[in-house]
Amino acid sequence: MLTVSVKWQKEVFKAVEIDTSQPPYVFKCQLYDLTGVPPERQKIMVKGGLLKDDADWSTVGVKQGQKLMMMGTADEVVKAPEKGPVFMEDLPEEEQVVSLGHSAGLFNLGNTCYMNSTVQCLHSVPELKSALVKYSHSGRSNDLDQTSHMLTVATRDLFGELDKSAKPVAPMQFWMVLRKKYPQFGQLHNGVFMQQDAEECWTQLLYTLSQSLRSPGSRMHCQESGEESSETESVYSLKCHISHEVNHLHEGLKHGLKSELEKASPALGRSAIYLKESRINGLPRYLTIQFVRFFWKRESNQKAKILRKVDYPLELDVYDLCSDELRKQLEGPRQILRDEEGKKLGLKANEKSSGAKDNDVKMTDAEGSSNASGESSVTTPQEGAPSDKEARLTGIYDLVAVLTHKGRSADSGHYVAWVKQESGKWIEFDDDNPIPQREEDIVKLSGGGDWHMAYICMYKARTV
């Protein structure tokens, strides 16, 4: 902790404390409280130029008792309203949350940004929150272990706190139960809790809370004998594999659905190389995609990071990644969606759409029964047969959350959640500090440097 004085215009502010464990942006926020000059307008002179928001204090060279010069214009003083103002802090806390337009942040309990960012992303799913609200303390089924039940209850209670609080929440109870259920998140190094992989936290939490994605079907073609075989496997998210050929999310997904493996060939009577091509047999309401950015580096004995830039869209179409059977089911809803979007643009609906709608109604029962067994990776199944008015999937998804990582290793650095609110606005949840962001800036978190880059993307299905 350093103490400095700051000269701004004709005023000098003495004994201003600098917490060197926090970025300079926090110091600028302190000066904003003193001067009324917003951080983005502040120009603070230090050795080597202007003080940057994310600079490292150890390299800035600020010394105890130093006098700093700040330039910048304060916000204009707002004229007093005719009616007396009602201050937000005077409102009930529930009304404060509504006024803010977003939920509360989460305090970092010591390298828990991986957990905080995961919780904030999943907290944005209304269906998950609804399912948790219905979950009671005594609602544990016989085949559910006690720690899974405790984690589900802790998640429900934490989501409730986030919805009701305008101030940052300390997720102490949730963290304790998470470590009890999954001891790997309680690893210590020199008496301090270690940074963990957010993707592992995401996967384990979802595994406890929800059903998995529908099982994708795989076809394997033997490159030597020409024979083929089929099998089914369970996955909990799609992987975007990154190589020198991958520049876009869609390319990485295609690479992730193809692989080679060695297995016994009945035709050849020996082991042979098979080319495995997977296709998605069922789609969830929410699609989770992990960018495979980390790999084990033997030289340094740690998880190294692939910094390559991989673009991802606000709107994702996975139609060409689906099986032939699923594509047929999607054709009708996709035509309806095109007609609806065409009407908004003043275009006439496709004449074939009426026939497509009839076909869709006929197949609703078959499609709905399959969805009921695993419609979403983060929601509970619908009870009973679906009605004709039930929303149907189109294979098109909209981006609703991005979990980013800043740093060179999965076991270090910093995780942040970028979440789309019901109002359509995006909020950056940097632990206990929610910051509004522009939608056009969200897709810029695609990598290529040391700044925050997408590690997990969550997409919501567009339905008709």
Protein backbone atom coordinates (compact mmCIF):
# COMPACT_ATOMS: atom_id res chain seq x y z
CA MET A 1 0.00 0.00 0.00
CA LEU A 2 1.46 3.34 -1.10
CA THR A 3 0.40 6.86 -0.12
CA VAL A 4 0.69 9.65 -2.72
CA SER A 5 -0.65 13.15 -3.35
CA VAL A 6 -2.52 14.05 -6.53
CA LYS A 7 -2.65 17.52 -8.10
CA TRP A 8 -5.69 18.25 -10.26
CA GLN A 9 -6.27 21.77 -11.56
CA LYS A 10 -5.81 24.03 -8.51
CA GLU A 11 -6.51 21.33 -5.94
CA VAL A 12 -4.10 18.95 -4.26
CA PHE A 13 -5.41 15.75 -2.70
CA LYS A 14 -3.04 14.51 -0.04
CA ALA A 15 -2.64 11.03 1.46
CA VAL A 16 -4.36 9.16 -1.37
CA GLU A 17 -3.75 5.46 -0.83
CA ILE A 18 -2.82 3.10 -3.70
CA ASP A 19 -3.54 -0.60 -3.27
CA THR A 20 -0.78 -2.05 -5.48
CA SER A 21 -2.49 -5.45 -5.46
CA GLN A 22 -5.30 -3.91 -7.52
CA PRO A 23 -4.99 -2.57 -11.10
CA PRO A 24 -4.59 1.18 -11.68
CA TYR A 25 -8.23 1.32 -12.78
CA VAL A 26 -9.22 0.96 -9.10
CA PHE A 27 -6.98 3.93 -8.24
CA LYS A 28 -8.70 5.95 -10.99
CA CYS A 29 -12.07 5.08 -9.47
CA GLN A 30 -10.82 6.51 -6.17
CA LEU A 31 -9.87 9.73 -7.96
CA TYR A 32 -13.27 9.80 -9.62
CA ASP A 33 -14.87 9.90 -6.16
CA LEU A 34 -12.57 12.80 -5.20
CA THR A 35 -12.70 14.87 -8.40
CA GLY A 36 -15.72 13.76 -10.41
CA VAL A 37 -13.47 13.04 -13.41
CA PRO A 38 -14.51 9.67 -14.95
CA PRO A 39 -11.65 7.12 -15.23
CA GLU A 40 -11.76 7.17 -19.05
CA ARG A 41 -11.07 10.94 -19.05
CA GLN A 42 -8.24 10.83 -16.52
CA LYS A 43 -4.69 11.38 -17.75
CA ILE A 44 -2.25 10.62 -14.94
CA MET A 45 1.40 11.36 -15.62
CA VAL A 46 3.88 8.71 -14.51
CA LYS A 47 7.40 7.76 -15.48
CA GLY A 48 7.34 6.70 -19.13
CA GLY A 49 4.02 8.32 -20.09
CA LEU A 50 0.37 8.01 -19.06
CA LEU A 51 -0.89 5.51 -16.46
CA LYS A 52 -2.80 2.70 -18.17
CA ASP A 53 -5.82 0.95 -16.59
CA ASP A 54 -4.19 -2.48 -16.61
CA ALA A 55 -0.57 -1.48 -15.94
CA ASP A 56 1.60 -3.37 -13.46
CA TRP A 57 2.38 -1.13 -10.46
CA SER A 58 5.77 -2.81 -10.05
CA THR A 59 6.85 -1.47 -13.46
CA VAL A 60 5.20 1.96 -13.15
CA GLY A 61 7.74 3.14 -10.59
CA VAL A 62 5.45 5.11 -8.28
CA LYS A 63 7.14 5.78 -4.92
CA GLN A 64 5.89 6.46 -1.40
CA GLY A 65 4.91 10.13 -0.97
CA GLN A 66 5.25 10.93 -4.69
CA LYS A 67 3.18 13.77 -6.15
CA LEU A 68 1.21 12.79 -9.25
CA MET A 69 -0.30 15.15 -11.83
CA MET A 70 -3.79 14.41 -13.21
CA MET A 71 -5.56 16.10 -16.10
CA GLY A 72 -9.18 15.67 -17.10
CA THR A 73 -12.59 17.34 -17.07
CA ALA A 74 -15.20 16.46 -14.45
CA ASP A 75 -18.75 15.51 -15.38
CA GLU A 76 -21.15 18.43 -15.65
CA VAL A 77 -23.20 19.08 -12.54
CA VAL A 78 -26.75 17.94 -13.18
CA LYS A 79 -29.44 20.50 -12.43
CA ALA A 80 -31.67 19.71 -9.49
CA PRO A 81 -34.99 18.16 -10.56
CA GLU A 82 -38.26 19.88 -9.79
CA LYS A 83 -39.30 16.93 -7.63
CA GLY A 84 -37.10 15.60 -4.89
CA PRO A 85 -34.91 12.71 -6.06
CA VAL A 86 -35.30 9.19 -4.72
CA PHE A 87 -31.87 7.75 -4.12
CA MET A 88 -31.26 4.17 -5.18
CA GLU A 89 -29.81 3.28 -1.79
CA ASP A 90 -33.12 4.38 -0.22
CA LEU A 91 -35.06 1.87 -2.31
CA PRO A 92 -35.72 -1.68 -1.09
CA GLU A 93 -32.89 -3.94 -2.26
CA GLU A 94 -35.19 -5.84 -4.67
CA GLU A 95 -36.08 -2.53 -6.39
CA GLN A 96 -32.40 -1.58 -6.52
CA VAL A 97 -31.70 -4.76 -8.50
CA VAL A 98 -34.44 -3.84 -11.00
CA SER A 99 -33.04 -0.31 -11.34
CA LEU A 100 -29.54 -1.64 -12.00
CA GLY A 101 -30.78 -3.93 -14.78
CA HIS A 102 -28.44 -6.76 -13.81
CA SER A 103 -27.73 -9.08 -10.91
CA ALA A 104 -25.00 -8.66 -8.30
CA GLY A 105 -21.32 -9.51 -8.61
CA LEU A 106 -19.48 -12.19 -6.62
CA PHE A 107 -16.58 -11.54 -4.26
CA ASN A 108 -13.36 -13.37 -5.09
CA LEU A 109 -12.62 -15.60 -2.09
CA GLY A 110 -9.04 -16.26 -3.18
CA ASN A 111 -8.40 -17.44 -6.74
CA THR A 112 -12.11 -18.23 -7.21
CA CYS A 113 -12.66 -16.22 -10.41
CA TYR A 114 -13.01 -19.56 -12.26
CA MET A 115 -16.01 -20.38 -10.03
CA ASN A 116 -17.51 -16.88 -10.08
CA SER A 117 -17.46 -16.64 -13.88
CA THR A 118 -19.03 -20.11 -14.21
CA VAL A 119 -21.83 -19.24 -11.79
CA GLN A 120 -22.58 -15.92 -13.53
CA CYS A 121 -22.89 -17.61 -16.94
CA LEU A 122 -25.20 -20.36 -15.68
CA HIS A 123 -27.19 -17.87 -13.60
CA SER A 124 -28.30 -16.26 -16.88
CA VAL A 125 -30.37 -19.35 -17.83
CA PRO A 126 -34.02 -18.74 -16.76
CA GLU A 127 -34.98 -22.41 -17.19
CA LEU A 128 -32.22 -23.49 -14.82
CA LYS A 129 -33.27 -20.94 -12.21
CA SER A 130 -36.89 -22.07 -12.47
CA ALA A 131 -35.91 -25.71 -12.02
CA LEU A 132 -33.78 -24.85 -8.98
CA VAL A 133 -36.59 -22.84 -7.37
CA LYS A 134 -38.79 -25.95 -7.53
CA TYR A 135 -36.04 -28.06 -5.94
CA SER A 136 -36.72 -28.48 -2.22
CA HIS A 137 -34.46 -29.44 0.67
CA SER A 138 -36.37 -32.69 1.01
CA GLY A 139 -36.63 -33.28 -2.73
CA ARG A 140 -33.55 -35.48 -2.97
CA SER A 141 -34.16 -38.74 -4.81
CA ASN A 142 -32.83 -42.01 -3.45
CA ASP A 143 -30.23 -42.38 -6.19
CA LEU A 144 -28.75 -38.89 -5.62
CA ASP A 145 -25.83 -38.72 -3.20
CA GLN A 146 -25.87 -36.27 -0.31
CA THR A 147 -23.11 -33.97 -1.61
CA SER A 148 -24.84 -33.61 -5.00
CA HIS A 149 -28.03 -32.68 -3.18
CA MET A 150 -26.12 -30.15 -1.04
CA LEU A 151 -24.49 -28.59 -4.12
CA THR A 152 -27.86 -28.28 -5.86
CA VAL A 153 -29.36 -26.55 -2.82
CA ALA A 154 -26.30 -24.27 -2.50
CA THR A 155 -26.59 -23.31 -6.17
CA ARG A 156 -30.29 -22.55 -5.77
CA ASP A 157 -29.64 -20.39 -2.70
CA LEU A 158 -26.75 -18.53 -4.38
CA PHE A 159 -28.85 -17.79 -7.47
CA GLY A 160 -31.54 -16.42 -5.15
CA GLU A 161 -29.04 -14.13 -3.42
CA LEU A 162 -27.78 -12.82 -6.77
CA ASP A 163 -31.32 -11.98 -7.85
CA LYS A 164 -32.20 -10.15 -4.65
CA SER A 165 -28.95 -8.31 -3.86
CA ALA A 166 -27.74 -5.06 -5.36
CA LYS A 167 -24.39 -5.43 -3.57
CA PRO A 168 -21.72 -8.08 -4.28
CA VAL A 169 -22.38 -11.50 -2.75
CA ALA A 170 -19.82 -13.69 -0.96
CA PRO A 171 -20.43 -17.27 -2.24
CA MET A 172 -18.88 -18.89 0.84
CA GLN A 173 -21.44 -21.67 1.38
CA PHE A 174 -21.46 -22.61 -2.32
CA TRP A 175 -17.66 -22.72 -2.41
CA MET A 176 -17.49 -24.95 0.66
CA VAL A 177 -20.00 -27.43 -0.79
CA LEU A 178 -18.31 -27.37 -4.22
CA ARG A 179 -14.99 -28.34 -2.59
CA LYS A 180 -16.71 -31.07 -0.60
CA LYS A 181 -18.28 -32.55 -3.72
CA TYR A 182 -15.18 -32.06 -5.90
CA PRO A 183 -12.05 -31.98 -3.67
CA GLN A 184 -9.80 -30.97 -6.59
CA PHE A 185 -11.12 -27.40 -6.22
CA GLY A 186 -9.69 -27.29 -2.71
CA GLN A 187 -6.04 -27.74 -3.76
CA LEU A 188 -3.59 -25.61 -1.78
CA HIS A 189 -0.18 -24.22 -2.69
CA ASN A 190 1.84 -22.65 0.11
CA GLY A 191 -1.35 -22.42 2.16
CA VAL A 192 -3.28 -20.56 -0.57
CA PHE A 193 -6.12 -22.00 -2.65
CA MET A 194 -4.92 -22.56 -6.21
CA GLN A 195 -6.45 -21.21 -9.41
CA GLN A 196 -8.52 -23.88 -11.17
CA ASP A 197 -9.77 -24.58 -14.69
CA ALA A 198 -13.16 -22.87 -15.27
CA GLU A 199 -14.14 -25.48 -17.88
CA GLU A 200 -13.71 -28.27 -15.32
CA CYS A 201 -15.81 -26.34 -12.81
CA TRP A 202 -18.47 -25.71 -15.49
CA THR A 203 -18.57 -29.38 -16.52
CA GLN A 204 -18.67 -30.77 -12.99
CA LEU A 205 -21.36 -28.35 -11.86
CA LEU A 206 -23.54 -29.09 -14.89
CA TYR A 207 -22.97 -32.81 -14.42
CA THR A 208 -24.38 -32.48 -10.93
CA LEU A 209 -27.25 -30.13 -11.79
CA SER A 210 -28.54 -31.33 -15.10
CA GLN A 211 -28.88 -33.86 -17.83
CA SER A 212 -26.31 -34.08 -20.57
CA LEU A 213 -26.66 -33.21 -24.25
CA ARG A 214 -28.45 -35.77 -26.36
CA SER A 215 -25.99 -38.44 -27.44
CA PRO A 216 -24.37 -37.71 -30.82
CA GLY A 217 -24.12 -40.63 -33.19
CA SER A 218 -20.77 -41.59 -34.73
CA ARG A 219 -19.99 -43.44 -37.93
CA MET A 220 -16.59 -45.08 -38.29
CA HIS A 221 -15.13 -45.94 -41.68
CA CYS A 222 -12.15 -48.28 -41.89
CA GLN A 223 -9.61 -46.74 -44.27
CA GLU A 224 -8.11 -50.16 -45.05
CA SER A 225 -11.07 -52.56 -45.47
CA GLY A 226 -13.85 -50.07 -46.29
CA GLU A 227 -16.19 -51.45 -43.60
CA GLU A 228 -18.32 -49.11 -41.46
CA SER A 229 -19.76 -49.24 -37.95
CA SER A 230 -21.96 -47.00 -35.80
CA GLU A 231 -21.97 -46.23 -32.10
CA THR A 232 -23.42 -43.72 -29.63
CA GLU A 233 -21.58 -41.73 -26.96
CA SER A 234 -22.55 -39.11 -24.40
CA VAL A 235 -21.03 -35.62 -24.42
CA TYR A 236 -21.71 -32.58 -22.26
CA SER A 237 -20.46 -29.86 -24.61
CA LEU A 238 -19.05 -29.41 -28.09
CA LYS A 239 -15.34 -28.77 -28.56
CA CYS A 240 -13.78 -26.22 -30.87
CA HIS A 241 -10.37 -27.70 -31.62
CA ILE A 242 -7.75 -25.11 -32.55
CA SER A 243 -5.05 -25.66 -35.17
CA HIS A 244 -3.27 -23.58 -37.81
CA GLU A 245 -6.20 -24.34 -40.13
CA VAL A 246 -8.90 -23.07 -37.74
CA ASN A 247 -9.82 -19.38 -37.94
CA HIS A 248 -13.51 -19.61 -37.05
CA LEU A 249 -15.60 -21.45 -34.47
CA HIS A 250 -17.50 -23.42 -37.12
CA GLU A 251 -14.27 -24.78 -38.59
CA GLY A 252 -13.10 -25.87 -35.14
CA LEU A 253 -16.40 -27.66 -34.46
CA LYS A 254 -16.06 -29.63 -37.71
CA HIS A 255 -12.52 -30.64 -36.76
CA GLY A 256 -13.76 -31.70 -33.34
CA LEU A 257 -16.32 -34.07 -34.84
CA LYS A 258 -13.63 -35.94 -36.81
CA SER A 259 -10.87 -38.13 -35.43
CA GLU A 260 -8.83 -41.26 -36.12
CA LEU A 261 -8.65 -44.30 -33.87
CA GLU A 262 -7.31 -47.82 -33.97
CA LYS A 263 -9.68 -50.72 -33.36
CA ALA A 264 -10.17 -54.36 -34.31
CA SER A 265 -11.42 -54.92 -37.87
CA PRO A 266 -13.58 -58.07 -38.30
CA ALA A 267 -12.96 -58.00 -42.08
CA LEU A 268 -9.16 -57.83 -41.76
CA GLY A 269 -8.88 -59.93 -38.62
CA ARG A 270 -6.52 -57.38 -37.02
CA SER A 271 -6.34 -53.82 -35.75
CA ALA A 272 -6.91 -51.13 -38.35
CA ILE A 273 -7.18 -47.34 -38.53
CA TYR A 274 -10.74 -46.00 -38.57
CA LEU A 275 -11.82 -42.46 -39.48
CA LYS A 276 -14.46 -41.46 -36.94
CA GLU A 277 -17.05 -38.87 -38.03
CA SER A 278 -19.64 -37.76 -35.46
CA ARG A 279 -22.97 -36.08 -36.08
CA ILE A 280 -25.36 -34.49 -33.60
CA ASN A 281 -28.53 -36.54 -33.09
CA GLY A 282 -30.31 -34.12 -30.75
CA LEU A 283 -30.00 -30.43 -29.90
CA PRO A 284 -30.29 -28.75 -26.49
CA ARG A 285 -31.98 -25.48 -25.60
CA TYR A 286 -28.57 -24.19 -24.53
CA LEU A 287 -25.43 -25.19 -26.40
CA THR A 288 -22.09 -25.04 -24.59
CA ILE A 289 -18.92 -24.82 -26.69
CA GLN A 290 -15.41 -25.04 -25.26
CA PHE A 291 -12.42 -23.62 -27.11
CA VAL A 292 -9.68 -26.23 -26.58
CA ARG A 293 -6.99 -23.66 -25.77
CA PHE A 294 -4.96 -25.57 -23.18
CA PHE A 295 -2.58 -28.48 -23.66
CA TRP A 296 0.00 -30.15 -21.44
CA LYS A 297 3.50 -28.86 -22.10
CA ARG A 298 6.13 -31.30 -20.89
CA GLU A 299 8.98 -28.80 -20.98
CA SER A 300 7.37 -26.52 -18.37
CA ASN A 301 5.23 -29.25 -16.76
CA GLN A 302 2.05 -27.15 -16.96
CA LYS A 303 -1.01 -26.48 -19.07
CA ALA A 304 0.11 -24.13 -21.82
CA LYS A 305 -2.29 -21.94 -23.78
CA ILE A 306 -2.98 -21.60 -27.51
CA LEU A 307 -3.32 -17.85 -28.13
CA ARG A 308 -4.47 -18.15 -31.77
CA LYS A 309 -7.38 -15.90 -32.75
CA VAL A 310 -10.56 -17.87 -33.46
CA ASP A 311 -13.62 -15.78 -34.39
CA TYR A 312 -17.08 -16.76 -33.17
CA PRO A 313 -20.50 -15.37 -34.20
CA LEU A 314 -23.39 -13.81 -32.31
CA GLU A 315 -25.61 -16.18 -34.32
CA LEU A 316 -24.55 -19.82 -34.81
CA ASP A 317 -26.15 -22.29 -37.24
CA VAL A 318 -25.29 -25.95 -36.53
CA TYR A 319 -27.55 -27.47 -39.22
CA ASP A 320 -24.66 -28.95 -41.22
CA LEU A 321 -23.26 -30.61 -38.07
CA CYS A 322 -26.48 -32.58 -37.50
CA SER A 323 -27.39 -36.12 -38.58
CA ASP A 324 -29.61 -36.62 -41.64
CA GLU A 325 -32.55 -37.60 -39.45
CA LEU A 326 -32.24 -34.48 -37.29
CA ARG A 327 -31.89 -32.26 -40.38
CA LYS A 328 -35.25 -33.53 -41.65
CA GLN A 329 -36.84 -32.62 -38.31
CA LEU A 330 -35.33 -29.12 -38.49
CA GLU A 331 -36.43 -28.31 -42.06
CA GLY A 332 -40.01 -27.37 -41.13
CA PRO A 333 -39.18 -25.10 -38.17
CA ARG A 334 -36.37 -23.47 -40.18
CA GLN A 335 -38.82 -22.62 -42.99
CA ILE A 336 -41.24 -21.12 -40.46
CA LEU A 337 -38.38 -19.05 -39.00
CA ARG A 338 -37.38 -17.81 -42.47
CA ASP A 339 -40.99 -16.83 -43.18
CA GLU A 340 -41.29 -14.98 -39.87
CA GLU A 341 -38.07 -13.08 -40.49
CA GLY A 342 -39.20 -12.38 -44.05
CA LYS A 343 -42.44 -10.85 -42.79
CA LYS A 344 -40.44 -8.50 -40.56
CA LEU A 345 -38.56 -7.38 -43.67
CA GLY A 346 -41.80 -7.01 -45.65
CA LEU A 347 -41.27 -10.13 -47.78
CA LYS A 348 -43.95 -12.64 -48.76
CA ALA A 349 -43.89 -16.03 -47.07
CA ASN A 350 -42.74 -19.05 -49.08
CA GLU A 351 -45.72 -20.89 -50.54
CA LYS A 352 -44.21 -24.18 -49.41
CA SER A 353 -44.22 -23.08 -45.80
CA SER A 354 -47.88 -24.03 -45.30
CA GLY A 355 -47.11 -27.60 -46.30
CA ALA A 356 -44.04 -27.58 -44.11
CA LYS A 357 -46.12 -26.48 -41.14
CA ASP A 358 -48.48 -29.45 -41.64
CA ASN A 359 -45.55 -31.84 -41.73
CA ASP A 360 -44.14 -30.27 -38.59
CA VAL A 361 -47.34 -30.85 -36.63
CA LYS A 362 -47.38 -34.50 -37.66
CA MET A 363 -43.85 -35.07 -36.41
CA THR A 364 -44.23 -33.12 -33.16
CA ASP A 365 -44.93 -36.18 -31.04
CA ALA A 366 -41.87 -38.05 -32.25
CA GLU A 367 -39.64 -35.03 -31.95
CA GLY A 368 -41.00 -34.03 -28.57
CA SER A 369 -40.57 -37.46 -27.08
CA SER A 370 -36.89 -37.43 -27.95
CA ASN A 371 -36.45 -33.90 -26.59
CA ALA A 372 -38.04 -34.87 -23.30
CA SER A 373 -35.16 -37.21 -22.52
CA GLY A 374 -32.43 -34.63 -22.91
CA GLU A 375 -33.55 -31.39 -24.44
CA SER A 376 -31.09 -29.15 -22.67
CA SER A 377 -27.74 -29.42 -21.02
CA VAL A 378 -28.88 -27.12 -18.22
CA THR A 379 -32.65 -27.63 -17.89
CA THR A 380 -34.98 -30.23 -16.50
CA PRO A 381 -37.11 -32.33 -18.89
CA GLN A 382 -40.73 -31.47 -19.62
CA GLU A 383 -43.22 -33.85 -18.09
CA GLY A 384 -45.71 -35.56 -20.37
CA ALA A 385 -46.08 -35.34 -24.14
CA PRO A 386 -45.45 -31.94 -25.73
CA SER A 387 -48.32 -29.99 -27.24
CA ASP A 388 -48.52 -28.79 -30.83
CA LYS A 389 -47.81 -25.25 -29.58
CA GLU A 390 -44.52 -26.22 -27.96
CA ALA A 391 -41.55 -24.26 -29.27
CA ARG A 392 -39.48 -26.22 -31.77
CA LEU A 393 -35.75 -25.98 -32.36
CA THR A 394 -34.34 -24.62 -35.62
CA GLY A 395 -30.63 -25.40 -35.31
CA ILE A 396 -29.91 -21.67 -35.02
CA TYR A 397 -28.49 -20.32 -31.75
CA ASP A 398 -27.89 -16.85 -30.29
CA LEU A 399 -24.87 -16.07 -28.10
CA VAL A 400 -25.92 -15.36 -24.48
CA ALA A 401 -22.72 -15.80 -22.45
CA VAL A 402 -18.94 -15.91 -22.89
CA LEU A 403 -16.44 -17.05 -20.28
CA THR A 404 -12.99 -15.64 -21.00
CA HIS A 405 -9.48 -16.29 -19.72
CA LYS A 406 -6.60 -13.84 -19.54
CA GLY A 407 -3.13 -15.27 -19.04
CA ARG A 408 -0.80 -17.96 -20.37
CA SER A 409 -1.79 -20.97 -18.24
CA ALA A 410 -5.06 -22.62 -17.16
CA ASP A 411 -3.76 -22.75 -13.58
CA SER A 412 -3.10 -19.02 -13.42
CA GLY A 413 -4.44 -15.84 -15.01
CA HIS A 414 -7.96 -14.51 -14.57
CA TYR A 415 -11.46 -15.62 -15.63
CA VAL A 416 -14.34 -13.24 -16.39
CA ALA A 417 -17.99 -13.78 -17.44
CA TRP A 418 -19.67 -11.68 -20.14
CA VAL A 419 -23.43 -12.23 -19.91
CA LYS A 420 -26.38 -11.02 -21.98
CA GLN A 421 -29.23 -9.76 -19.82
CA GLU A 422 -32.94 -10.20 -20.52
CA SER A 423 -32.99 -6.55 -21.65
CA GLY A 424 -30.51 -7.43 -24.41
CA LYS A 425 -27.65 -5.51 -22.77
CA TRP A 426 -24.31 -7.19 -22.05
CA ILE A 427 -22.64 -7.09 -18.63
CA GLU A 428 -19.02 -7.99 -17.88
CA PHE A 429 -18.91 -9.74 -14.48
CA ASP A 430 -15.35 -9.32 -13.24
CA ASP A 431 -15.87 -10.93 -9.83
CA ASP A 432 -17.64 -8.29 -7.68
CA ASN A 433 -17.51 -5.62 -10.40
CA PRO A 434 -20.31 -5.72 -13.04
CA ILE A 435 -19.49 -3.46 -16.02
CA PRO A 436 -21.87 -2.70 -18.95
CA GLN A 437 -20.41 -3.60 -22.38
CA ARG A 438 -21.39 -3.10 -26.02
CA GLU A 439 -22.52 -6.13 -28.03
CA GLU A 440 -20.07 -5.39 -30.83
CA ASP A 441 -17.19 -5.68 -28.34
CA ILE A 442 -18.22 -9.17 -27.19
CA VAL A 443 -17.13 -10.88 -30.43
CA LYS A 444 -13.74 -9.17 -30.16
CA LEU A 445 -12.78 -11.53 -27.33
CA SER A 446 -11.51 -13.99 -29.93
CA GLY A 447 -7.85 -14.21 -28.94
CA GLY A 448 -4.62 -13.39 -30.71
CA GLY A 449 -2.89 -11.76 -27.73
CA ASP A 450 -2.69 -11.65 -23.95
CA TRP A 451 -6.07 -9.94 -23.47
CA HIS A 452 -9.21 -11.81 -22.39
CA MET A 453 -10.16 -14.46 -24.95
CA ALA A 454 -13.19 -16.75 -25.22
CA TYR A 455 -12.76 -20.09 -23.46
CA ILE A 456 -16.42 -21.15 -23.23
CA CYS A 457 -19.36 -19.83 -25.25
CA MET A 458 -22.98 -20.51 -24.37
CA TYR A 459 -25.64 -20.21 -27.07
CA LYS A 460 -29.45 -20.21 -26.66
CA ALA A 461 -31.63 -21.97 -29.23
CA ARG A 462 -33.84 -19.85 -31.47
CA THR A 463 -37.24 -21.52 -31.57
CA VAL A 464 -40.56 -21.18 -33.43
